[in-house]
Amino acid sequence: SQEKRDALWEEIKGNLPEPSLVDVHRTDVGGAAAVRSSYHPHGVDRIGGGSPGGDPAAAAKIIDEGRGKLDDDRAVAAAARTSRAQATVDLQSEVSR
């Protein structure tokens, strides 16, 4: 098993590129006080400086329309299942005669 792994490694090692490693410089942290002093939270700025545009109720409208369409689709699917079930019963009745 180890011999097979070694043979496989010898076969493929020429095709594997060596990773290009770089040095990463760490920033020293003196403690909790240093972290607190360097942390300056800020919110997300608005894009552009103009007045807010658009319809704030647009998302709610789209959701309501989608909900209505989903309810309609569910009703159609339920009717199709009922119709299919009735057709199956009718077919079985005909076969049984």
PDB file of N, CA and C in Angstrom:
ATOM      1  N   SER A   1       0.824  -1.186   0.000  1.00  0.00           N
ATOM      2  CA  SER A   1       0.000   0.000   0.000  1.00  0.00           C
ATOM      3  C   SER A   1       0.875   1.260   0.000  1.00  0.00           C
ATOM      4  N   GLN A   2       1.869   1.296   0.876  1.00  0.00           N
ATOM      5  CA  GLN A   2       2.784   2.436   0.921  1.00  0.00           C
ATOM      6  C   GLN A   2       3.605   2.495  -0.365  1.00  0.00           C
ATOM      7  N   GLU A   3       3.964   1.322  -0.886  1.00  0.00           N
ATOM      8  CA  GLU A   3       4.729   1.281  -2.131  1.00  0.00           C
ATOM      9  C   GLU A   3       3.910   1.849  -3.286  1.00  0.00           C
ATOM     10  N   LYS A   4       2.606   1.540  -3.309  1.00  0.00           N
ATOM     11  CA  LYS A   4       1.731   2.067  -4.356  1.00  0.00           C
ATOM     12  C   LYS A   4       1.636   3.586  -4.251  1.00  0.00           C
ATOM     13  N   ARG A   5       1.509   4.089  -3.013  1.00  0.00           N
ATOM     14  CA  ARG A   5       1.436   5.542  -2.819  1.00  0.00           C
ATOM     15  C   ARG A   5       2.727   6.212  -3.272  1.00  0.00           C
ATOM     16  N   ASP A   6       3.857   5.608  -2.899  1.00  0.00           N
ATOM     17  CA  ASP A   6       5.146   6.176  -3.291  1.00  0.00           C
ATOM     18  C   ASP A   6       5.313   6.168  -4.809  1.00  0.00           C
ATOM     19  N   ALA A   7       4.894   5.085  -5.455  1.00  0.00           N
ATOM     20  CA  ALA A   7       5.002   4.992  -6.910  1.00  0.00           C
ATOM     21  C   ALA A   7       4.111   6.037  -7.576  1.00  0.00           C
ATOM     22  N   LEU A   8       2.915   6.199  -7.051  1.00  0.00           N
ATOM     23  CA  LEU A   8       1.993   7.193  -7.596  1.00  0.00           C
ATOM     24  C   LEU A   8       2.558   8.597  -7.401  1.00  0.00           C
ATOM     25  N   TRP A   9       3.118   8.846  -6.227  1.00  0.00           N
ATOM     26  CA  TRP A   9       3.696  10.164  -5.951  1.00  0.00           C
ATOM     27  C   TRP A   9       4.840  10.459  -6.914  1.00  0.00           C
ATOM     28  N   GLU A  10       5.704   9.493  -7.146  1.00  0.00           N
ATOM     29  CA  GLU A  10       6.823   9.676  -8.069  1.00  0.00           C
ATOM     30  C   GLU A  10       6.315   9.983  -9.471  1.00  0.00           C
ATOM     31  N   GLU A  11       5.188   9.371  -9.834  1.00  0.00           N
ATOM     32  CA  GLU A  11       4.628   9.566 -11.169  1.00  0.00           C
ATOM     33  C   GLU A  11       4.049  10.967 -11.356  1.00  0.00           C
ATOM     34  N   ILE A  12       3.409  11.507 -10.325  1.00  0.00           N
ATOM     35  CA  ILE A  12       2.693  12.776 -10.498  1.00  0.00           C
ATOM     36  C   ILE A  12       3.409  13.996  -9.935  1.00  0.00           C
ATOM     37  N   LYS A  13       4.448  13.832  -9.135  1.00  0.00           N
ATOM     38  CA  LYS A  13       5.027  14.987  -8.450  1.00  0.00           C
ATOM     39  C   LYS A  13       5.609  16.018  -9.406  1.00  0.00           C
ATOM     40  N   GLY A  14       6.011  15.627 -10.591  1.00  0.00           N
ATOM     41  CA  GLY A  14       6.525  16.585 -11.563  1.00  0.00           C
ATOM     42  C   GLY A  14       5.438  17.495 -12.122  1.00  0.00           C
ATOM     43  N   ASN A  15       4.187  17.069 -12.036  1.00  0.00           N
ATOM     44  CA  ASN A  15       3.066  17.864 -12.555  1.00  0.00           C
ATOM     45  C   ASN A  15       2.491  18.826 -11.521  1.00  0.00           C
ATOM     46  N   LEU A  16       2.923  18.707 -10.274  1.00  0.00           N
ATOM     47  CA  LEU A  16       2.389  19.560  -9.217  1.00  0.00           C
ATOM     48  C   LEU A  16       3.286  20.772  -9.026  1.00  0.00           C
ATOM     49  N   PRO A  17       2.747  21.973  -9.197  1.00  0.00           N
ATOM     50  CA  PRO A  17       3.587  23.170  -9.018  1.00  0.00           C
ATOM     51  C   PRO A  17       3.869  23.416  -7.534  1.00  0.00           C
ATOM     52  N   GLU A  18       5.028  23.969  -7.278  1.00  0.00           N
ATOM     53  CA  GLU A  18       5.371  24.333  -5.905  1.00  0.00           C
ATOM     54  C   GLU A  18       4.598  25.594  -5.528  1.00  0.00           C
ATOM     55  N   PRO A  19       4.070  25.657  -4.322  1.00  0.00           N
ATOM     56  CA  PRO A  19       3.322  26.855  -3.925  1.00  0.00           C
ATOM     57  C   PRO A  19       4.253  28.058  -3.788  1.00  0.00           C
ATOM     58  N   SER A  20       3.722  29.212  -4.117  1.00  0.00           N
ATOM     59  CA  SER A  20       4.476  30.453  -3.989  1.00  0.00           C
ATOM     60  C   SER A  20       4.121  31.070  -2.640  1.00  0.00           C
ATOM     61  N   LEU A  21       4.966  30.848  -1.665  1.00  0.00           N
ATOM     62  CA  LEU A  21       4.695  31.324  -0.313  1.00  0.00           C
ATOM     63  C   LEU A  21       5.238  32.734  -0.135  1.00  0.00           C
ATOM     64  N   VAL A  22       4.523  33.530   0.613  1.00  0.00           N
ATOM     65  CA  VAL A  22       4.947  34.901   0.893  1.00  0.00           C
ATOM     66  C   VAL A  22       4.978  35.097   2.402  1.00  0.00           C
ATOM     67  N   ASP A  23       5.740  36.096   2.819  1.00  0.00           N
ATOM     68  CA  ASP A  23       5.771  36.430   4.241  1.00  0.00           C
ATOM     69  C   ASP A  23       4.590  37.333   4.565  1.00  0.00           C
ATOM     70  N   VAL A  24       3.925  37.033   5.647  1.00  0.00           N
ATOM     71  CA  VAL A  24       2.805  37.849   6.106  1.00  0.00           C
ATOM     72  C   VAL A  24       3.250  38.557   7.371  1.00  0.00           C
ATOM     73  N   HIS A  25       3.149  39.874   7.355  1.00  0.00           N
ATOM     74  CA  HIS A  25       3.564  40.653   8.513  1.00  0.00           C
ATOM     75  C   HIS A  25       2.381  40.813   9.455  1.00  0.00           C
ATOM     76  N   ARG A  26       2.601  40.450  10.692  1.00  0.00           N
ATOM     77  CA  ARG A  26       1.550  40.562  11.703  1.00  0.00           C
ATOM     78  C   ARG A  26       1.614  41.918  12.373  1.00  0.00           C
ATOM     79  N   THR A  27       0.443  42.447  12.662  1.00  0.00           N
ATOM     80  CA  THR A  27       0.367  43.687  13.422  1.00  0.00           C
ATOM     81  C   THR A  27       0.301  43.314  14.894  1.00  0.00           C
ATOM     82  N   ASP A  28       1.198  43.878  15.669  1.00  0.00           N
ATOM     83  CA  ASP A  28       1.192  43.574  17.095  1.00  0.00           C
ATOM     84  C   ASP A  28       0.002  44.241  17.765  1.00  0.00           C
ATOM     85  N   VAL A  29      -0.644  43.502  18.630  1.00  0.00           N
ATOM     86  CA  VAL A  29      -1.770  44.022  19.402  1.00  0.00           C
ATOM     87  C   VAL A  29      -1.331  44.022  20.856  1.00  0.00           C
ATOM     88  N   GLY A  30      -1.373  45.208  21.454  1.00  0.00           N
ATOM     89  CA  GLY A  30      -0.892  45.344  22.818  1.00  0.00           C
ATOM     90  C   GLY A  30      -1.881  44.879  23.865  1.00  0.00           C
ATOM     91  N   GLY A  31      -3.092  44.595  23.482  1.00  0.00           N
ATOM     92  CA  GLY A  31      -4.102  44.160  24.439  1.00  0.00           C
ATOM     93  C   GLY A  31      -5.463  44.728  24.076  1.00  0.00           C
ATOM     94  N   ALA A  32      -6.411  44.546  24.972  1.00  0.00           N
ATOM     95  CA  ALA A  32      -7.788  44.979  24.723  1.00  0.00           C
ATOM     96  C   ALA A  32      -7.878  46.487  24.548  1.00  0.00           C
ATOM     97  N   ALA A  33      -7.093  47.238  25.301  1.00  0.00           N
ATOM     98  CA  ALA A  33      -7.131  48.701  25.197  1.00  0.00           C
ATOM     99  C   ALA A  33      -6.669  49.154  23.811  1.00  0.00           C
ATOM    100  N   ALA A  34      -5.665  48.492  23.243  1.00  0.00           N
ATOM    101  CA  ALA A  34      -5.177  48.844  21.909  1.00  0.00           C
ATOM    102  C   ALA A  34      -6.235  48.548  20.851  1.00  0.00           C
ATOM    103  N   VAL A  35      -6.940  47.446  21.024  1.00  0.00           N
ATOM    104  CA  VAL A  35      -8.005  47.103  20.074  1.00  0.00           C
ATOM    105  C   VAL A  35      -9.120  48.133  20.158  1.00  0.00           C
ATOM    106  N   ARG A  36      -9.540  48.466  21.381  1.00  0.00           N
ATOM    107  CA  ARG A  36     -10.613  49.454  21.551  1.00  0.00           C
ATOM    108  C   ARG A  36     -10.225  50.810  20.970  1.00  0.00           C
ATOM    109  N   SER A  37      -8.987  51.199  21.149  1.00  0.00           N
ATOM    110  CA  SER A  37      -8.574  52.518  20.658  1.00  0.00           C
ATOM    111  C   SER A  37      -8.470  52.562  19.134  1.00  0.00           C
ATOM    112  N   SER A  38      -8.249  51.415  18.495  1.00  0.00           N
ATOM    113  CA  SER A  38      -8.119  51.411  17.036  1.00  0.00           C
ATOM    114  C   SER A  38      -9.436  51.115  16.326  1.00  0.00           C
ATOM    115  N   TYR A  39     -10.468  50.759  17.066  1.00  0.00           N
ATOM    116  CA  TYR A  39     -11.751  50.400  16.462  1.00  0.00           C
ATOM    117  C   TYR A  39     -12.629  51.632  16.364  1.00  0.00           C
ATOM    118  N   HIS A  40     -12.987  51.988  15.170  1.00  0.00           N
ATOM    119  CA  HIS A  40     -13.836  53.153  14.925  1.00  0.00           C
ATOM    120  C   HIS A  40     -15.015  52.719  14.055  1.00  0.00           C
ATOM    121  N   PRO A  41     -16.076  52.233  14.675  1.00  0.00           N
ATOM    122  CA  PRO A  41     -17.198  51.733  13.876  1.00  0.00           C
ATOM    123  C   PRO A  41     -17.915  52.864  13.150  1.00  0.00           C
ATOM    124  N   HIS A  42     -18.444  52.528  12.008  1.00  0.00           N
ATOM    125  CA  HIS A  42     -19.254  53.482  11.251  1.00  0.00           C
ATOM    126  C   HIS A  42     -20.249  52.681  10.431  1.00  0.00           C
ATOM    127  N   GLY A  43     -21.360  53.300  10.167  1.00  0.00           N
ATOM    128  CA  GLY A  43     -22.398  52.633   9.394  1.00  0.00           C
ATOM    129  C   GLY A  43     -22.096  52.678   7.913  1.00  0.00           C
ATOM    130  N   VAL A  44     -22.976  52.109   7.161  1.00  0.00           N
ATOM    131  CA  VAL A  44     -22.844  52.112   5.716  1.00  0.00           C
ATOM    132  C   VAL A  44     -23.363  53.443   5.199  1.00  0.00           C
ATOM    133  N   ASP A  45     -22.570  54.116   4.410  1.00  0.00           N
ATOM    134  CA  ASP A  45     -22.988  55.396   3.840  1.00  0.00           C
ATOM    135  C   ASP A  45     -23.951  55.162   2.689  1.00  0.00           C
ATOM    136  N   ARG A  46     -24.840  56.128   2.498  1.00  0.00           N
ATOM    137  CA  ARG A  46     -25.760  56.062   1.366  1.00  0.00           C
ATOM    138  C   ARG A  46     -24.971  56.232   0.078  1.00  0.00           C
ATOM    139  N   ILE A  47     -25.462  55.622  -0.964  1.00  0.00           N
ATOM    140  CA  ILE A  47     -24.849  55.809  -2.271  1.00  0.00           C
ATOM    141  C   ILE A  47     -25.339  57.138  -2.800  1.00  0.00           C
ATOM    142  N   GLY A  48     -24.435  57.999  -3.113  1.00  0.00           N
ATOM    143  CA  GLY A  48     -24.816  59.323  -3.586  1.00  0.00           C
ATOM    144  C   GLY A  48     -25.296  60.172  -2.426  1.00  0.00           C
ATOM    145  N   GLY A  49     -25.425  61.451  -2.664  1.00  0.00           N
ATOM    146  CA  GLY A  49     -25.839  62.342  -1.591  1.00  0.00           C
ATOM    147  C   GLY A  49     -27.236  62.874  -1.770  1.00  0.00           C
ATOM    148  N   GLY A  50     -27.933  62.410  -2.795  1.00  0.00           N
ATOM    149  CA  GLY A  50     -29.261  62.940  -3.089  1.00  0.00           C
ATOM    150  C   GLY A  50     -30.321  62.408  -2.152  1.00  0.00           C
ATOM    151  N   SER A  51     -31.520  62.838  -2.420  1.00  0.00           N
ATOM    152  CA  SER A  51     -32.638  62.377  -1.599  1.00  0.00           C
ATOM    153  C   SER A  51     -32.967  60.933  -1.952  1.00  0.00           C
ATOM    154  N   PRO A  52     -33.511  60.194  -0.989  1.00  0.00           N
ATOM    155  CA  PRO A  52     -33.847  58.803  -1.277  1.00  0.00           C
ATOM    156  C   PRO A  52     -34.957  58.748  -2.322  1.00  0.00           C
ATOM    157  N   GLY A  53     -34.816  57.857  -3.267  1.00  0.00           N
ATOM    158  CA  GLY A  53     -35.813  57.729  -4.320  1.00  0.00           C
ATOM    159  C   GLY A  53     -36.480  56.372  -4.251  1.00  0.00           C
ATOM    160  N   GLY A  54     -37.372  56.156  -5.170  1.00  0.00           N
ATOM    161  CA  GLY A  54     -38.020  54.862  -5.229  1.00  0.00           C
ATOM    162  C   GLY A  54     -39.245  54.790  -4.345  1.00  0.00           C
ATOM    163  N   ASP A  55     -39.888  53.663  -4.408  1.00  0.00           N
ATOM    164  CA  ASP A  55     -41.117  53.425  -3.664  1.00  0.00           C
ATOM    165  C   ASP A  55     -40.807  52.518  -2.482  1.00  0.00           C
ATOM    166  N   PRO A  56     -40.906  53.030  -1.252  1.00  0.00           N
ATOM    167  CA  PRO A  56     -40.588  52.191  -0.102  1.00  0.00           C
ATOM    168  C   PRO A  56     -41.548  51.019   0.070  1.00  0.00           C
ATOM    169  N   ALA A  57     -42.735  51.077  -0.540  1.00  0.00           N
ATOM    170  CA  ALA A  57     -43.706  49.988  -0.408  1.00  0.00           C
ATOM    171  C   ALA A  57     -43.610  48.996  -1.561  1.00  0.00           C
ATOM    172  N   ALA A  58     -42.635  49.183  -2.454  1.00  0.00           N
ATOM    173  CA  ALA A  58     -42.528  48.322  -3.634  1.00  0.00           C
ATOM    174  C   ALA A  58     -42.280  46.865  -3.255  1.00  0.00           C
ATOM    175  N   ALA A  59     -41.407  46.627  -2.293  1.00  0.00           N
ATOM    176  CA  ALA A  59     -41.102  45.251  -1.902  1.00  0.00           C
ATOM    177  C   ALA A  59     -42.335  44.564  -1.343  1.00  0.00           C
ATOM    178  N   ALA A  60     -43.084  45.261  -0.494  1.00  0.00           N
ATOM    179  CA  ALA A  60     -44.297  44.670   0.083  1.00  0.00           C
ATOM    180  C   ALA A  60     -45.308  44.348  -1.009  1.00  0.00           C
ATOM    181  N   LYS A  61     -45.399  45.215  -1.999  1.00  0.00           N
ATOM    182  CA  LYS A  61     -46.333  44.989  -3.109  1.00  0.00           C
ATOM    183  C   LYS A  61     -45.924  43.748  -3.907  1.00  0.00           C
ATOM    184  N   ILE A  62     -44.644  43.632  -4.197  1.00  0.00           N
ATOM    185  CA  ILE A  62     -44.145  42.477  -4.948  1.00  0.00           C
ATOM    186  C   ILE A  62     -44.376  41.190  -4.167  1.00  0.00           C
ATOM    187  N   ILE A  63     -44.141  41.231  -2.863  1.00  0.00           N
ATOM    188  CA  ILE A  63     -44.350  40.049  -2.023  1.00  0.00           C
ATOM    189  C   ILE A  63     -45.817  39.662  -2.014  1.00  0.00           C
ATOM    190  N   ASP A  64     -46.708  40.641  -1.872  1.00  0.00           N
ATOM    191  CA  ASP A  64     -48.145  40.350  -1.870  1.00  0.00           C
ATOM    192  C   ASP A  64     -48.598  39.760  -3.202  1.00  0.00           C
ATOM    193  N   GLU A  65     -48.094  40.317  -4.313  1.00  0.00           N
ATOM    194  CA  GLU A  65     -48.444  39.774  -5.627  1.00  0.00           C
ATOM    195  C   GLU A  65     -47.942  38.338  -5.766  1.00  0.00           C
ATOM    196  N   GLY A  66     -46.731  38.091  -5.308  1.00  0.00           N
ATOM    197  CA  GLY A  66     -46.175  36.738  -5.362  1.00  0.00           C
ATOM    198  C   GLY A  66     -46.962  35.774  -4.501  1.00  0.00           C
ATOM    199  N   ARG A  67     -47.374  36.247  -3.326  1.00  0.00           N
ATOM    200  CA  ARG A  67     -48.169  35.403  -2.434  1.00  0.00           C
ATOM    201  C   ARG A  67     -49.497  35.039  -3.101  1.00  0.00           C
ATOM    202  N   GLY A  68     -50.136  36.021  -3.759  1.00  0.00           N
ATOM    203  CA  GLY A  68     -51.397  35.757  -4.457  1.00  0.00           C
ATOM    204  C   GLY A  68     -51.210  34.758  -5.584  1.00  0.00           C
ATOM    205  N   LYS A  69     -50.119  34.911  -6.355  1.00  0.00           N
ATOM    206  CA  LYS A  69     -49.847  33.979  -7.451  1.00  0.00           C
ATOM    207  C   LYS A  69     -49.577  32.585  -6.909  1.00  0.00           C
ATOM    208  N   LEU A  70     -48.840  32.499  -5.813  1.00  0.00           N
ATOM    209  CA  LEU A  70     -48.550  31.208  -5.204  1.00  0.00           C
ATOM    210  C   LEU A  70     -49.830  30.534  -4.734  1.00  0.00           C
ATOM    211  N   ASP A  71     -50.730  31.303  -4.109  1.00  0.00           N
ATOM    212  CA  ASP A  71     -52.013  30.748  -3.676  1.00  0.00           C
ATOM    213  C   ASP A  71     -52.816  30.239  -4.870  1.00  0.00           C
ATOM    214  N   ASP A  72     -52.819  31.008  -5.972  1.00  0.00           N
ATOM    215  CA  ASP A  72     -53.522  30.575  -7.184  1.00  0.00           C
ATOM    216  C   ASP A  72     -52.918  29.287  -7.734  1.00  0.00           C
ATOM    217  N   ASP A  73     -51.592  29.226  -7.789  1.00  0.00           N
ATOM    218  CA  ASP A  73     -50.918  28.024  -8.295  1.00  0.00           C
ATOM    219  C   ASP A  73     -51.227  26.812  -7.429  1.00  0.00           C
ATOM    220  N   ARG A  74     -51.270  27.014  -6.125  1.00  0.00           N
ATOM    221  CA  ARG A  74     -51.602  25.904  -5.223  1.00  0.00           C
ATOM    222  C   ARG A  74     -53.029  25.424  -5.448  1.00  0.00           C
ATOM    223  N   ALA A  75     -53.959  26.359  -5.665  1.00  0.00           N
ATOM    224  CA  ALA A  75     -55.353  25.984  -5.909  1.00  0.00           C
ATOM    225  C   ALA A  75     -55.472  25.197  -7.213  1.00  0.00           C
ATOM    226  N   VAL A  76     -54.762  25.629  -8.252  1.00  0.00           N
ATOM    227  CA  VAL A  76     -54.786  24.915  -9.531  1.00  0.00           C
ATOM    228  C   VAL A  76     -54.196  23.516  -9.362  1.00  0.00           C
ATOM    229  N   ALA A  77     -53.101  23.399  -8.626  1.00  0.00           N
ATOM    230  CA  ALA A  77     -52.472  22.094  -8.402  1.00  0.00           C
ATOM    231  C   ALA A  77     -53.397  21.169  -7.623  1.00  0.00           C
ATOM    232  N   ALA A  78     -54.083  21.703  -6.616  1.00  0.00           N
ATOM    233  CA  ALA A  78     -55.015  20.884  -5.834  1.00  0.00           C
ATOM    234  C   ALA A  78     -56.166  20.406  -6.712  1.00  0.00           C
ATOM    235  N   ALA A  79     -56.676  21.282  -7.576  1.00  0.00           N
ATOM    236  CA  ALA A  79     -57.764  20.894  -8.476  1.00  0.00           C
ATOM    237  C   ALA A  79     -57.290  19.813  -9.444  1.00  0.00           C
ATOM    238  N   ALA A  80     -56.071  19.942  -9.938  1.00  0.00           N
ATOM    239  CA  ALA A  80     -55.531  18.940 -10.857  1.00  0.00           C
ATOM    240  C   ALA A  80     -55.378  17.594 -10.165  1.00  0.00           C
ATOM    241  N   ARG A  81     -54.917  17.605  -8.911  1.00  0.00           N
ATOM    242  CA  ARG A  81     -54.783  16.343  -8.170  1.00  0.00           C
ATOM    243  C   ARG A  81     -56.138  15.694  -7.953  1.00  0.00           C
ATOM    244  N   THR A  82     -57.138  16.506  -7.603  1.00  0.00           N
ATOM    245  CA  THR A  82     -58.488  15.977  -7.386  1.00  0.00           C
ATOM    246  C   THR A  82     -59.031  15.387  -8.676  1.00  0.00           C
ATOM    247  N   SER A  83     -58.846  16.087  -9.781  1.00  0.00           N
ATOM    248  CA  SER A  83     -59.319  15.617 -11.078  1.00  0.00           C
ATOM    249  C   SER A  83     -58.618  14.319 -11.470  1.00  0.00           C
ATOM    250  N   ARG A  84     -57.312  14.262 -11.247  1.00  0.00           N
ATOM    251  CA  ARG A  84     -56.545  13.064 -11.573  1.00  0.00           C
ATOM    252  C   ARG A  84     -57.004  11.891 -10.718  1.00  0.00           C
ATOM    253  N   ALA A  85     -57.248  12.138  -9.446  1.00  0.00           N
ATOM    254  CA  ALA A  85     -57.705  11.069  -8.554  1.00  0.00           C
ATOM    255  C   ALA A  85     -59.069  10.556  -8.999  1.00  0.00           C
ATOM    256  N   GLN A  86     -59.956  11.461  -9.378  1.00  0.00           N
ATOM    257  CA  GLN A  86     -61.288  11.050  -9.835  1.00  0.00           C
ATOM    258  C   GLN A  86     -61.179  10.250 -11.129  1.00  0.00           C
ATOM    259  N   ALA A  87     -60.303  10.670 -12.027  1.00  0.00           N
ATOM    260  CA  ALA A  87     -60.113   9.941 -13.279  1.00  0.00           C
ATOM    261  C   ALA A  87     -59.575   8.545 -13.013  1.00  0.00           C
ATOM    262  N   THR A  88     -58.684   8.416 -12.037  1.00  0.00           N
ATOM    263  CA  THR A  88     -58.142   7.106 -11.683  1.00  0.00           C
ATOM    264  C   THR A  88     -59.234   6.198 -11.144  1.00  0.00           C
ATOM    265  N   VAL A  89     -60.089   6.742 -10.283  1.00  0.00           N
ATOM    266  CA  VAL A  89     -61.197   5.957  -9.727  1.00  0.00           C
ATOM    267  C   VAL A  89     -62.141   5.527 -10.842  1.00  0.00           C
ATOM    268  N   ASP A  90     -62.459   6.446 -11.750  1.00  0.00           N
ATOM    269  CA  ASP A  90     -63.345   6.119 -12.870  1.00  0.00           C
ATOM    270  C   ASP A  90     -62.747   5.023 -13.741  1.00  0.00           C
ATOM    271  N   LEU A  91     -61.446   5.114 -14.017  1.00  0.00           N
ATOM    272  CA  LEU A  91     -60.785   4.110 -14.840  1.00  0.00           C
ATOM    273  C   LEU A  91     -60.791   2.753 -14.153  1.00  0.00           C
ATOM    274  N   GLN A  92     -60.526   2.731 -12.848  1.00  0.00           N
ATOM    275  CA  GLN A  92     -60.539   1.467 -12.114  1.00  0.00           C
ATOM    276  C   GLN A  92     -61.936   0.859 -12.103  1.00  0.00           C
ATOM    277  N   SER A  93     -62.958   1.696 -12.022  1.00  0.00           N
ATOM    278  CA  SER A  93     -64.338   1.203 -12.052  1.00  0.00           C
ATOM    279  C   SER A  93     -64.642   0.568 -13.398  1.00  0.00           C
ATOM    280  N   GLU A  94     -64.189   1.193 -14.475  1.00  0.00           N
ATOM    281  CA  GLU A  94     -64.420   0.647 -15.812  1.00  0.00           C
ATOM    282  C   GLU A  94     -63.696  -0.682 -15.992  1.00  0.00           C
ATOM    283  N   VAL A  95     -62.482  -0.775 -15.475  1.00  0.00           N
ATOM    284  CA  VAL A  95     -61.706  -2.011 -15.607  1.00  0.00           C
ATOM    285  C   VAL A  95     -62.349  -3.129 -14.803  1.00  0.00           C
ATOM    286  N   SER A  96     -62.920  -2.802 -13.663  1.00  0.00           N
ATOM    287  CA  SER A  96     -63.521  -3.808 -12.784  1.00  0.00           C
ATOM    288  C   SER A  96     -64.805  -4.382 -13.363  1.00  0.00           C
ATOM    289  N   ARG A  97     -65.457  -3.699 -14.274  1.00  0.00           N
ATOM    290  CA  ARG A  97     -66.732  -4.188 -14.819  1.00  0.00           C
ATOM    291  C   ARG A  97     -66.575  -5.383 -15.660  1.00  0.00           C
TER     292      ARG A  97
END
